[in-house]
Amino acid sequence: MVPFSKILLPIDFSERCLGAARFSIPLAERFHAEITLLHVEMPPEAYPESNIDREIPPEKRLRDFLCAAFAHLDVKRVLRVGFDVAEEIVKYAREHDTDLIMMPTHGYGAFRRLLLGSTTAKVLYDASCPVWTGAKLAQGPRAEWLNPTTIVCAADNDARSKNALKWASRLASALDADLILVHVEPRLQSSGEEYYSKEFHEQVVAEANAKMDKLQRAAGTQAQVVLQGGKVARAVSKGAEDLDADLLVIGRRSDPASEGLGLNTYGIIRESPCPVVSV
C-alpha cells in the first residue's frame, strides 16, 4: 500500500541497521505510519558450545534502540526467537499486513561489494510486500532526501515491471516527486559501420519506446522515459546516478532463472547510488 501505514524494520543493532532506521523516520513522519522494530534472536541451542553470558539482554537492547529518535513516532518493538532470521521476518510481515520492509544488505567481509547478506537475499526472495534496501545506507539519508524530488523506476515490458511502475507512480504522487522511467536496451551499444549503426540505433530506440508506451498504458502512467544501453545492473545504476534519484524502484521476480531485471536484482541493489525498493 502507498502511502505506507505499516513499516517493518528488522534490526540487529549493527551500524548498517542504524542507517536503515534513519531512512524510516521521514517516511513514517510523512505518512503517519506505524514502525515495527523486529529483532530475531537465535535460540541458545544454536550455540551449543558457547558459554558467553551476554552483558546486555536482547530485550533491553531492543527497548533502548534509538529511543530518542523514535520517541515522536508510533513504534512497536518486537522480539522473536528463531533459527532462520529471514523466515521470521517474512512470516511477521505476512501475519501483520506489512506495507514495506526496510533493511540494509548486510554484506560483510572482503566480498561485501559482490554479495548481499544471506538474510536480505532470502527476504527479497520470499517477501510478498515491497522490500526497501541498499548497499549504501549506513550513514542514513542525506538532508535533501527528507523531501525527495526524483523517483526512478527501472522497467522491462512485463507484469512485474507494470506493478513496480504503478507502485512507484503512487509513491511519487504521494511525495509530490517526479517519476522517471528508465529502460535498458543492451542493443543500443551494438557496433557496426556508421550508416548501419545509425539506422540500427534508430530502429532499436523506436522499438524500445514502443515497449515503454505499451507498459505505461497498462500501468496508467505518463512518466518521462530515459533509455540506457549496456549491461542491465550497471546501466540502471548509472541512470539513477545521472538523474540524481532519491529512490530507485524495480520489479522483483522470485524465479532466479528469469531474465531482465529479475535476474539483475542483486546487481542493481549492490551498485545503486540510492536506496532501492523491489516490488
Protein backbone atom coordinates (compact mmCIF):
# COMPACT_ATOMS: atom_id res chain seq x y z
CA MET A 1 0.00 0.00 0.00
CA VAL A 2 1.13 3.54 -0.76
CA PRO A 3 1.16 5.65 1.34
CA PHE A 4 2.53 3.26 3.94
CA SER A 5 0.65 2.52 7.12
CA LYS A 6 2.91 -0.27 8.42
CA ILE A 7 6.70 -0.33 8.06
CA LEU A 8 8.72 -3.31 9.29
CA LEU A 9 12.30 -2.56 10.29
CA PRO A 10 14.32 -5.69 11.17
CA ILE A 11 17.23 -4.73 13.42
CA ASP A 12 20.38 -6.47 14.62
CA PHE A 13 21.88 -3.39 16.29
CA SER A 14 24.63 -3.05 13.66
CA GLU A 15 25.83 0.24 12.17
CA ARG A 16 24.20 -0.52 8.83
CA CYS A 17 20.96 -1.21 10.64
CA LEU A 18 21.15 2.30 12.13
CA GLY A 19 21.31 3.74 8.62
CA ALA A 20 18.15 1.94 7.52
CA ALA A 21 16.41 3.06 10.71
CA ARG A 22 17.21 6.70 9.95
CA PHE A 23 15.67 6.32 6.49
CA SER A 24 12.46 5.01 8.03
CA ILE A 25 11.86 8.11 10.16
CA PRO A 26 10.95 10.64 7.41
CA LEU A 27 8.69 8.07 5.73
CA ALA A 28 6.87 7.35 8.96
CA GLU A 29 6.53 11.06 9.64
CA ARG A 30 5.22 11.80 6.15
CA PHE A 31 2.63 9.02 6.13
CA HIS A 32 1.91 8.76 9.88
CA ALA A 33 2.93 5.12 9.62
CA GLU A 34 3.50 2.60 12.37
CA ILE A 35 7.07 1.29 12.59
CA THR A 36 7.74 -2.16 13.97
CA LEU A 37 11.28 -2.77 15.18
CA LEU A 38 11.76 -6.52 14.90
CA HIS A 39 14.76 -8.29 16.38
CA VAL A 40 15.15 -12.02 15.82
CA GLU A 41 17.31 -13.67 18.47
CA MET A 42 18.90 -17.03 17.78
CA PRO A 43 17.96 -19.60 20.45
CA PRO A 44 20.64 -20.78 22.92
CA GLU A 45 20.78 -24.20 21.29
CA ALA A 46 22.11 -22.52 18.13
CA TYR A 47 25.37 -22.06 20.04
CA PRO A 48 25.67 -25.35 21.99
CA GLU A 49 29.36 -24.90 22.79
CA SER A 50 29.19 -21.24 23.76
CA ASN A 51 29.31 -20.17 27.39
CA ILE A 52 29.07 -16.46 26.60
CA ASP A 53 26.82 -14.59 29.01
CA ARG A 54 25.53 -11.51 27.18
CA GLU A 55 26.10 -8.40 29.26
CA ILE A 56 23.03 -6.68 27.79
CA PRO A 57 19.92 -8.84 27.27
CA PRO A 58 18.31 -8.52 23.82
CA GLU A 59 15.09 -7.30 25.44
CA LYS A 60 16.91 -4.28 26.88
CA ARG A 61 18.87 -3.57 23.69
CA LEU A 62 15.61 -3.62 21.74
CA ARG A 63 13.87 -1.41 24.28
CA ASP A 64 16.69 1.14 24.23
CA PHE A 65 17.32 1.15 20.45
CA LEU A 66 17.07 4.75 19.12
CA CYS A 67 14.60 5.70 21.85
CA ALA A 68 15.05 9.45 21.34
CA ALA A 69 14.91 9.29 17.53
CA PHE A 70 11.67 7.29 17.54
CA ALA A 71 10.05 8.97 20.56
CA HIS A 72 7.59 11.01 18.48
CA LEU A 73 6.52 8.07 16.29
CA ASP A 74 4.12 5.15 16.62
CA VAL A 75 6.64 2.37 17.28
CA LYS A 76 6.26 -1.28 18.26
CA ARG A 77 9.25 -3.27 19.50
CA VAL A 78 9.01 -7.00 18.88
CA LEU A 79 11.43 -9.74 19.92
CA ARG A 80 11.19 -13.15 18.28
CA VAL A 81 13.33 -16.24 18.69
CA GLY A 82 14.18 -18.43 15.72
CA PHE A 83 16.91 -20.26 13.85
CA ASP A 84 16.10 -18.62 10.48
CA VAL A 85 16.09 -14.83 10.77
CA ALA A 86 14.79 -14.23 7.23
CA GLU A 87 11.95 -16.69 7.72
CA GLU A 88 10.86 -14.91 10.90
CA ILE A 89 10.97 -11.52 9.15
CA VAL A 90 8.87 -12.69 6.21
CA LYS A 91 6.45 -14.52 8.49
CA TYR A 92 5.91 -11.44 10.67
CA ALA A 93 5.39 -9.24 7.61
CA ARG A 94 2.69 -11.55 6.27
CA GLU A 95 0.97 -12.00 9.61
CA HIS A 96 0.69 -8.24 10.16
CA ASP A 97 -0.09 -6.98 6.62
CA THR A 98 3.16 -5.04 6.38
CA ASP A 99 3.33 -2.48 3.57
CA LEU A 100 7.11 -2.17 3.41
CA ILE A 101 10.16 -3.98 4.81
CA MET A 102 13.23 -1.77 5.22
CA MET A 103 16.66 -3.33 5.71
CA PRO A 104 20.31 -2.89 4.61
CA THR A 105 22.13 -5.50 2.56
CA HIS A 106 24.25 -6.76 5.47
CA GLY A 107 27.06 -7.97 3.23
CA TYR A 108 30.24 -8.47 5.26
CA GLY A 109 33.88 -9.29 4.76
CA ALA A 110 36.22 -8.99 1.78
CA PHE A 111 33.44 -9.69 -0.74
CA ARG A 112 30.95 -7.12 0.61
CA ARG A 113 30.65 -5.49 -2.82
CA LEU A 114 29.89 -8.79 -4.52
CA LEU A 115 27.34 -10.30 -2.15
CA LEU A 116 24.12 -9.49 -0.42
CA GLY A 117 23.85 -10.81 3.08
CA SER A 118 22.03 -14.14 3.18
CA THR A 119 19.22 -12.75 5.35
CA THR A 120 18.47 -9.89 2.96
CA ALA A 121 18.69 -12.22 -0.05
CA LYS A 122 16.15 -14.60 1.50
CA VAL A 123 13.79 -11.77 2.41
CA LEU A 124 13.97 -10.45 -1.16
CA TYR A 125 13.20 -13.93 -2.46
CA ASP A 126 10.30 -14.75 -0.14
CA ALA A 127 8.61 -11.48 0.86
CA SER A 128 5.25 -10.69 -0.69
CA CYS A 129 5.43 -6.95 0.09
CA PRO A 130 7.89 -4.38 -1.29
CA VAL A 131 11.40 -4.50 0.21
CA TRP A 132 13.49 -1.37 0.66
CA THR A 133 17.22 -1.95 0.80
CA GLY A 134 20.57 -0.72 -0.46
CA ALA A 135 24.30 -1.17 -0.15
CA LYS A 136 24.96 2.43 0.90
CA LEU A 137 22.52 3.02 3.74
CA ALA A 138 24.93 3.02 6.67
CA GLN A 139 25.01 6.79 7.03
CA GLY A 140 21.28 7.33 6.73
CA PRO A 141 19.62 9.81 4.38
CA ARG A 142 21.24 12.99 3.18
CA ALA A 143 19.43 16.18 4.11
CA GLU A 144 17.88 16.56 0.64
CA TRP A 145 16.30 13.12 0.91
CA LEU A 146 13.95 14.30 3.64
CA ASN A 147 11.98 15.88 0.79
CA PRO A 148 12.63 13.50 -2.13
CA THR A 149 12.11 15.03 -5.55
CA THR A 150 13.02 12.29 -8.02
CA ILE A 151 11.91 8.66 -8.12
CA VAL A 152 13.30 6.44 -10.87
CA CYS A 153 11.56 3.22 -11.90
CA ALA A 154 13.59 0.73 -13.93
CA ALA A 155 11.39 -1.46 -16.08
CA ASP A 156 11.14 -4.18 -18.70
CA ASN A 157 7.89 -4.79 -20.54
CA ASP A 158 6.31 -7.38 -18.23
CA ALA A 159 3.81 -7.80 -15.39
CA ARG A 160 6.41 -7.30 -12.66
CA SER A 161 7.53 -4.04 -14.20
CA LYS A 162 3.93 -2.89 -14.56
CA ASN A 163 3.34 -3.48 -10.84
CA ALA A 164 6.59 -1.70 -9.95
CA LEU A 165 5.70 1.25 -12.17
CA LYS A 166 2.21 1.57 -10.67
CA TRP A 167 3.69 1.41 -7.15
CA ALA A 168 6.35 3.99 -8.00
CA SER A 169 3.73 6.28 -9.55
CA ARG A 170 1.56 6.18 -6.42
CA LEU A 171 4.56 6.91 -4.22
CA ALA A 172 5.74 9.79 -6.45
CA SER A 173 2.25 11.28 -6.32
CA ALA A 174 2.10 10.95 -2.53
CA LEU A 175 5.52 12.60 -2.17
CA ASP A 176 4.89 15.18 -4.91
CA ALA A 177 8.05 13.90 -6.62
CA ASP A 178 8.95 13.50 -10.29
CA LEU A 179 8.76 9.96 -11.72
CA ILE A 180 11.21 8.94 -14.44
CA LEU A 181 11.11 5.58 -16.21
CA VAL A 182 14.46 4.01 -17.13
CA HIS A 183 14.60 1.15 -19.61
CA VAL A 184 17.81 -0.67 -20.51
CA GLU A 185 18.21 -1.79 -24.11
CA PRO A 186 21.56 -3.61 -24.50
CA ARG A 187 21.37 -3.38 -28.30
CA LEU A 188 21.97 0.36 -28.10
CA GLN A 189 25.67 -0.45 -27.73
CA SER A 190 25.78 -2.61 -30.87
CA SER A 191 28.67 -1.89 -33.20
CA GLY A 192 28.77 -1.61 -36.96
CA GLU A 193 29.54 0.70 -39.83
CA GLU A 194 28.43 4.28 -39.42
CA TYR A 195 25.34 4.17 -41.71
CA TYR A 196 24.20 0.80 -40.42
CA SER A 197 24.79 1.82 -36.79
CA LYS A 198 22.69 4.97 -37.19
CA GLU A 199 19.87 3.10 -38.88
CA PHE A 200 20.01 0.25 -36.38
CA HIS A 201 20.15 2.66 -33.44
CA GLU A 202 17.02 4.49 -34.63
CA GLN A 203 15.16 1.19 -35.05
CA VAL A 204 16.15 -0.02 -31.57
CA VAL A 205 15.15 3.29 -29.97
CA ALA A 206 11.77 3.22 -31.72
CA GLU A 207 11.11 -0.36 -30.59
CA ALA A 208 12.16 0.40 -27.01
CA ASN A 209 9.96 3.49 -26.85
CA ALA A 210 7.04 1.49 -28.22
CA LYS A 211 7.51 -1.10 -25.46
CA MET A 212 7.59 1.58 -22.80
CA ASP A 213 4.49 3.26 -24.27
CA LYS A 214 2.67 -0.07 -24.05
CA LEU A 215 3.86 -0.57 -20.47
CA GLN A 216 2.74 2.91 -19.42
CA ARG A 217 -0.69 2.47 -20.99
CA ALA A 218 -1.09 -0.74 -18.97
CA ALA A 219 0.13 0.95 -15.78
CA GLY A 220 -1.83 4.16 -16.33
CA THR A 221 1.27 6.37 -16.10
CA GLN A 222 2.82 9.14 -18.21
CA ALA A 223 6.36 9.28 -16.91
CA GLN A 224 9.36 10.64 -18.76
CA VAL A 225 11.30 7.78 -20.39
CA VAL A 226 15.09 7.51 -20.42
CA LEU A 227 16.75 4.75 -22.46
CA GLN A 228 20.09 3.29 -21.39
CA GLY A 229 22.45 0.96 -23.21
CA GLY A 230 24.78 -1.63 -21.74
CA LYS A 231 24.57 -4.28 -19.04
CA VAL A 232 21.39 -4.01 -17.00
CA ALA A 233 22.68 -3.59 -13.45
CA ARG A 234 25.33 -1.02 -14.31
CA ALA A 235 23.09 0.86 -16.78
CA VAL A 236 20.22 1.13 -14.29
CA SER A 237 22.55 2.35 -11.55
CA LYS A 238 24.17 4.88 -13.90
CA GLY A 239 20.73 6.11 -14.92
CA ALA A 240 19.77 6.63 -11.28
CA GLU A 241 23.05 8.45 -10.66
CA ASP A 242 22.73 10.68 -13.74
CA LEU A 243 19.17 11.59 -12.78
CA ASP A 244 20.17 12.26 -9.16
CA ALA A 245 17.48 9.84 -8.00
CA ASP A 246 16.38 9.81 -4.37
CA LEU A 247 14.89 6.34 -4.77
CA LEU A 248 15.05 3.55 -7.36
CA VAL A 249 12.08 1.19 -7.82
CA ILE A 250 12.43 -2.15 -9.61
CA GLY A 251 10.30 -5.22 -10.23
CA ARG A 252 11.34 -8.33 -8.34
CA ARG A 253 10.99 -11.91 -9.57
CA SER A 254 11.19 -14.94 -7.32
CA ASP A 255 12.42 -17.13 -10.19
CA PRO A 256 16.23 -16.88 -10.20
CA ALA A 257 16.36 -18.21 -13.78
CA SER A 258 14.22 -15.39 -15.16
CA GLU A 259 15.75 -12.79 -17.45
CA GLY A 260 15.82 -9.00 -17.32
CA LEU A 261 15.51 -7.02 -14.12
CA GLY A 262 14.64 -10.09 -12.07
CA LEU A 263 17.98 -11.70 -12.83
CA ASN A 264 19.77 -8.43 -12.10
CA THR A 265 18.01 -7.51 -8.84
CA TYR A 266 21.04 -8.16 -6.65
CA GLY A 267 23.42 -6.37 -9.01
CA ILE A 268 21.22 -3.29 -9.13
CA ILE A 269 20.97 -3.16 -5.34
CA ARG A 270 24.75 -3.54 -4.98
CA GLU A 271 25.55 -0.72 -7.41
CA SER A 272 22.69 1.73 -6.91
CA PRO A 273 23.72 5.16 -5.57
CA CYS A 274 20.39 5.46 -3.74
CA PRO A 275 18.03 3.14 -1.86
CA VAL A 276 16.19 0.52 -3.93
CA VAL A 277 12.63 -0.70 -3.46
CA SER A 278 11.95 -4.05 -5.13
CA VAL A 279 8.25 -4.65 -5.69
